[in-house]
Amino acid sequence: KVLGSKVIATIPGRGYRLAIEPDRVGGEPTEAEATPSHQHAHADARRHNLRAASESLIGREADVDVLMRLLDQHRLVTVVGGSGIGKTRLALAVARQRVDTHADGVWWVDLAVLRSTDQIAPAMAQAAGLALGGGDAEKLLLLALQQRDTLLVLDNCEHLVEGLAALATTLLEGAPRLRLLATSLEPLKLRGEQ
C-alpha cells in the first residue's frame, strides 16, 4: 500500500509480478508513459510470455503451416472449433514459431479467466508488459500498440466475443503492424477475419 496501487499486477493463471520500474516507486504512470517509445525499452527485455512446450504437437504440422501463412497475409486469424480439439495447443505452437517474426514480441492473453469486457484491454496490456496507468484502458492500449510490430494471441474468446470484436476492430484500425491470433468456439465475425 505504501508503494501505490499499481505496484503489484495480477497475472491471470500465473500469480503476481512487480509492475513498476525502480524509478517509479510510489508514483502512478502517466498517460504519456503508455506511448511506444517509453514502453519499447521495457518490452525489449523479453520477447514473449509463452509457456514452454510440455509435449510436441503431433500430426498438426499442416495446420501450423496454414496458420503461419494466414498470419503472414492477414491481421486477424481465428482458430474456431469445439471444446477439446486442440485450438489452444495449435495457437501456442504457431505463436512459438512467430517470436522472431515480430520485433515487439508475441504475447499470450488468456481470456478464460476474465468475466467482463472491460477486463480485456488491461489483460492485453499486462500480457505485453505495458503499463497503461489511469484513464481509458482501451485508448491507452491503442496508444501503446500504435507503432508496435506485435502478435497478440487471444485464447478462449467465446464468452467475450461482442466486446472483444469491438476492441479488436479499434486496435486493428489504429495499430497497422498489430496482428491478432484468436481461439474461440465461434468466430469474431469481423471484416477481414480469417
Protein backbone atom coordinates (compact mmCIF):
# COMPACT_ATOMS: atom_id res chain seq x y z
CA LYS A 1 0.00 0.00 0.00
CA VAL A 2 2.88 2.36 0.77
CA LEU A 3 4.21 1.99 -2.79
CA GLY A 4 0.90 2.69 -4.54
CA SER A 5 -1.97 0.76 -6.08
CA LYS A 6 -0.21 -0.11 -9.35
CA VAL A 7 2.88 -1.79 -7.86
CA ILE A 8 1.68 -5.40 -7.89
CA ALA A 9 -0.02 -6.78 -11.02
CA THR A 10 -2.08 -9.94 -11.11
CA ILE A 11 -1.17 -12.26 -13.97
CA PRO A 12 -4.21 -14.45 -14.65
CA GLY A 13 -3.42 -18.13 -14.16
CA ARG A 14 0.17 -17.43 -13.05
CA GLY A 15 0.32 -15.26 -9.94
CA TYR A 16 1.68 -11.77 -9.29
CA ARG A 17 4.54 -9.60 -10.54
CA LEU A 18 6.15 -6.28 -9.73
CA ALA A 19 4.61 -3.86 -12.21
CA ILE A 20 6.74 -0.73 -11.86
CA GLU A 21 10.22 0.31 -12.76
CA PRO A 22 12.63 1.11 -9.87
CA ASP A 23 12.47 4.86 -10.50
CA ARG A 24 8.65 4.84 -10.40
CA VAL A 25 8.19 3.59 -6.82
CA GLY A 26 5.23 5.35 -5.23
CA GLY A 27 4.19 7.09 -8.44
CA GLU A 28 1.43 6.41 -10.90
CA PRO A 29 2.38 6.03 -14.58
CA THR A 30 1.18 8.92 -16.70
CA GLU A 31 -0.71 8.67 -19.98
CA ALA A 32 2.45 9.76 -21.81
CA GLU A 33 4.31 6.78 -20.37
CA ALA A 34 1.99 4.40 -22.22
CA THR A 35 3.46 5.57 -25.53
CA PRO A 36 5.54 3.14 -27.58
CA SER A 37 8.82 4.99 -27.04
CA HIS A 38 8.63 4.54 -23.25
CA GLN A 39 7.33 1.00 -23.29
CA HIS A 40 9.69 -0.25 -26.01
CA ALA A 41 12.68 -0.40 -23.67
CA HIS A 42 10.67 -2.30 -21.05
CA ALA A 43 9.28 -4.88 -23.52
CA ASP A 44 12.69 -5.48 -25.13
CA ALA A 45 13.81 -7.33 -22.01
CA ARG A 46 11.62 -10.21 -23.13
CA ARG A 47 10.09 -11.11 -26.48
CA HIS A 48 7.21 -13.28 -25.34
CA ASN A 49 5.30 -14.69 -22.39
CA LEU A 50 4.64 -18.12 -23.93
CA ARG A 51 4.86 -21.15 -21.70
CA ALA A 52 7.39 -23.82 -22.64
CA ALA A 53 6.22 -26.73 -24.74
CA SER A 54 5.47 -29.65 -22.46
CA GLU A 55 4.88 -32.10 -25.31
CA SER A 56 5.20 -31.98 -29.08
CA LEU A 57 2.27 -31.29 -31.36
CA ILE A 58 1.85 -34.48 -33.38
CA GLY A 59 0.01 -34.62 -36.69
CA ARG A 60 -0.82 -30.90 -36.83
CA GLU A 61 2.12 -29.70 -38.95
CA ALA A 62 -0.18 -28.87 -41.89
CA ASP A 63 -2.46 -26.85 -39.58
CA VAL A 64 0.55 -24.93 -38.22
CA ASP A 65 1.71 -24.18 -41.78
CA VAL A 66 -1.74 -22.94 -42.79
CA LEU A 67 -1.96 -20.66 -39.75
CA MET A 68 1.56 -19.30 -40.36
CA ARG A 69 0.62 -18.42 -43.97
CA LEU A 70 -2.69 -16.88 -42.89
CA LEU A 71 -0.91 -14.69 -40.31
CA ASP A 72 1.59 -13.58 -42.96
CA GLN A 73 -1.29 -12.44 -45.19
CA HIS A 74 -3.97 -11.33 -42.71
CA ARG A 75 -4.00 -9.39 -39.47
CA LEU A 76 -6.84 -11.29 -37.74
CA VAL A 77 -6.92 -15.08 -37.73
CA THR A 78 -9.28 -17.08 -35.53
CA VAL A 79 -9.00 -20.80 -34.83
CA VAL A 80 -12.61 -21.89 -34.44
CA GLY A 81 -13.90 -25.25 -33.24
CA GLY A 82 -15.48 -27.26 -30.47
CA SER A 83 -14.10 -27.71 -26.98
CA GLY A 84 -11.14 -30.02 -26.56
CA ILE A 85 -9.99 -30.22 -30.18
CA GLY A 86 -6.63 -28.57 -29.51
CA LYS A 87 -7.18 -24.94 -30.55
CA THR A 88 -5.04 -23.65 -27.69
CA ARG A 89 -2.16 -26.07 -28.31
CA LEU A 90 -2.23 -25.25 -32.03
CA ALA A 91 -2.21 -21.49 -31.38
CA LEU A 92 0.63 -21.92 -28.89
CA ALA A 93 2.70 -23.87 -31.42
CA VAL A 94 2.16 -21.15 -34.03
CA ALA A 95 2.94 -18.39 -31.53
CA ARG A 96 6.26 -20.02 -30.61
CA GLN A 97 7.26 -20.11 -34.27
CA ARG A 98 6.43 -16.43 -34.72
CA VAL A 99 8.52 -14.98 -31.88
CA ASP A 100 11.32 -13.96 -34.26
CA THR A 101 8.82 -12.60 -36.80
CA HIS A 102 7.52 -9.76 -34.61
CA ALA A 103 10.04 -7.15 -33.47
CA ASP A 104 7.96 -6.18 -30.44
CA GLY A 105 7.08 -9.68 -29.36
CA VAL A 106 4.39 -12.32 -29.19
CA TRP A 107 2.10 -12.08 -26.18
CA TRP A 108 -0.32 -14.72 -24.89
CA VAL A 109 -3.57 -13.41 -23.38
CA ASP A 110 -5.72 -15.97 -21.54
CA LEU A 111 -9.25 -14.62 -21.72
CA ALA A 112 -10.84 -17.63 -19.99
CA VAL A 113 -10.27 -16.07 -16.56
CA LEU A 114 -11.94 -12.76 -17.48
CA ARG A 115 -15.55 -12.11 -16.55
CA SER A 116 -16.32 -8.83 -18.34
CA THR A 117 -15.29 -6.99 -21.49
CA ASP A 118 -13.77 -4.10 -19.54
CA GLN A 119 -11.06 -6.51 -18.36
CA ILE A 120 -9.85 -7.31 -21.90
CA ALA A 121 -7.68 -4.24 -22.60
CA PRO A 122 -5.94 -4.37 -19.19
CA ALA A 123 -5.29 -8.11 -19.67
CA MET A 124 -3.75 -7.46 -23.10
CA ALA A 125 -1.56 -4.70 -21.71
CA GLN A 126 -0.47 -6.80 -18.77
CA ALA A 127 0.45 -9.75 -21.00
CA ALA A 128 2.60 -7.48 -23.20
CA GLY A 129 4.20 -5.73 -20.22
CA LEU A 130 2.58 -2.38 -20.98
CA ALA A 131 1.76 -0.13 -18.01
CA LEU A 132 -1.33 1.81 -19.06
CA GLY A 133 -1.75 4.00 -15.99
CA GLY A 134 -5.09 5.60 -15.22
CA GLY A 135 -7.69 6.55 -17.76
CA ASP A 136 -9.45 4.84 -20.64
CA ALA A 137 -7.69 1.45 -20.87
CA GLU A 138 -8.72 0.83 -24.49
CA LYS A 139 -7.49 4.24 -25.64
CA LEU A 140 -4.21 3.84 -23.75
CA LEU A 141 -3.72 0.31 -25.11
CA LEU A 142 -4.20 1.58 -28.66
CA LEU A 143 -1.70 4.36 -27.98
CA ALA A 144 0.83 1.84 -26.65
CA LEU A 145 0.38 -0.55 -29.61
CA GLN A 146 0.18 2.06 -32.37
CA GLN A 147 3.70 1.62 -33.73
CA ARG A 148 4.45 -1.88 -32.45
CA ASP A 149 5.06 -4.96 -34.58
CA THR A 150 3.28 -7.34 -32.23
CA LEU A 151 1.27 -10.54 -32.28
CA LEU A 152 -1.35 -10.88 -29.55
CA VAL A 153 -2.68 -14.41 -29.09
CA LEU A 154 -6.15 -14.26 -27.56
CA ASP A 155 -7.12 -17.63 -26.11
CA ASN A 156 -10.70 -18.63 -25.20
CA CYS A 157 -12.59 -15.69 -26.70
CA GLU A 158 -16.08 -17.21 -26.89
CA HIS A 159 -17.60 -15.69 -23.74
CA LEU A 160 -16.40 -12.17 -24.61
CA VAL A 161 -16.94 -12.15 -28.40
CA GLU A 162 -19.01 -8.98 -28.65
CA GLY A 163 -16.74 -6.75 -26.54
CA LEU A 164 -13.60 -8.32 -27.96
CA ALA A 165 -14.81 -7.75 -31.53
CA ALA A 166 -15.26 -4.04 -30.85
CA LEU A 167 -11.82 -3.72 -29.23
CA ALA A 168 -10.14 -5.79 -31.95
CA THR A 169 -11.64 -3.52 -34.62
CA THR A 170 -10.31 -0.42 -32.84
CA LEU A 171 -6.85 -1.92 -32.36
CA LEU A 172 -6.51 -3.23 -35.90
CA GLU A 173 -7.62 0.10 -37.38
CA GLY A 174 -5.26 2.15 -35.22
CA ALA A 175 -2.21 -0.14 -34.97
CA PRO A 176 -1.22 -1.11 -38.53
CA ARG A 177 1.55 -3.55 -37.52
CA LEU A 178 -0.52 -5.44 -34.94
CA ARG A 179 -1.70 -8.98 -35.68
CA LEU A 180 -4.24 -10.98 -33.68
CA LEU A 181 -4.49 -14.77 -33.44
CA ALA A 182 -7.60 -15.87 -31.55
CA THR A 183 -9.06 -19.18 -30.40
CA SER A 184 -12.79 -19.45 -29.91
CA LEU A 185 -15.84 -21.65 -30.10
CA GLU A 186 -17.23 -19.09 -32.54
CA PRO A 187 -15.74 -16.51 -34.92
CA LEU A 188 -15.48 -12.83 -34.01
CA LYS A 189 -17.38 -12.03 -37.23
CA LEU A 190 -15.19 -9.09 -38.19
CA ARG A 191 -14.32 -7.89 -41.65
CA GLY A 192 -11.02 -9.42 -42.74
CA GLU A 193 -11.14 -12.22 -40.18
CA GLN A 194 -9.72 -15.49 -41.48
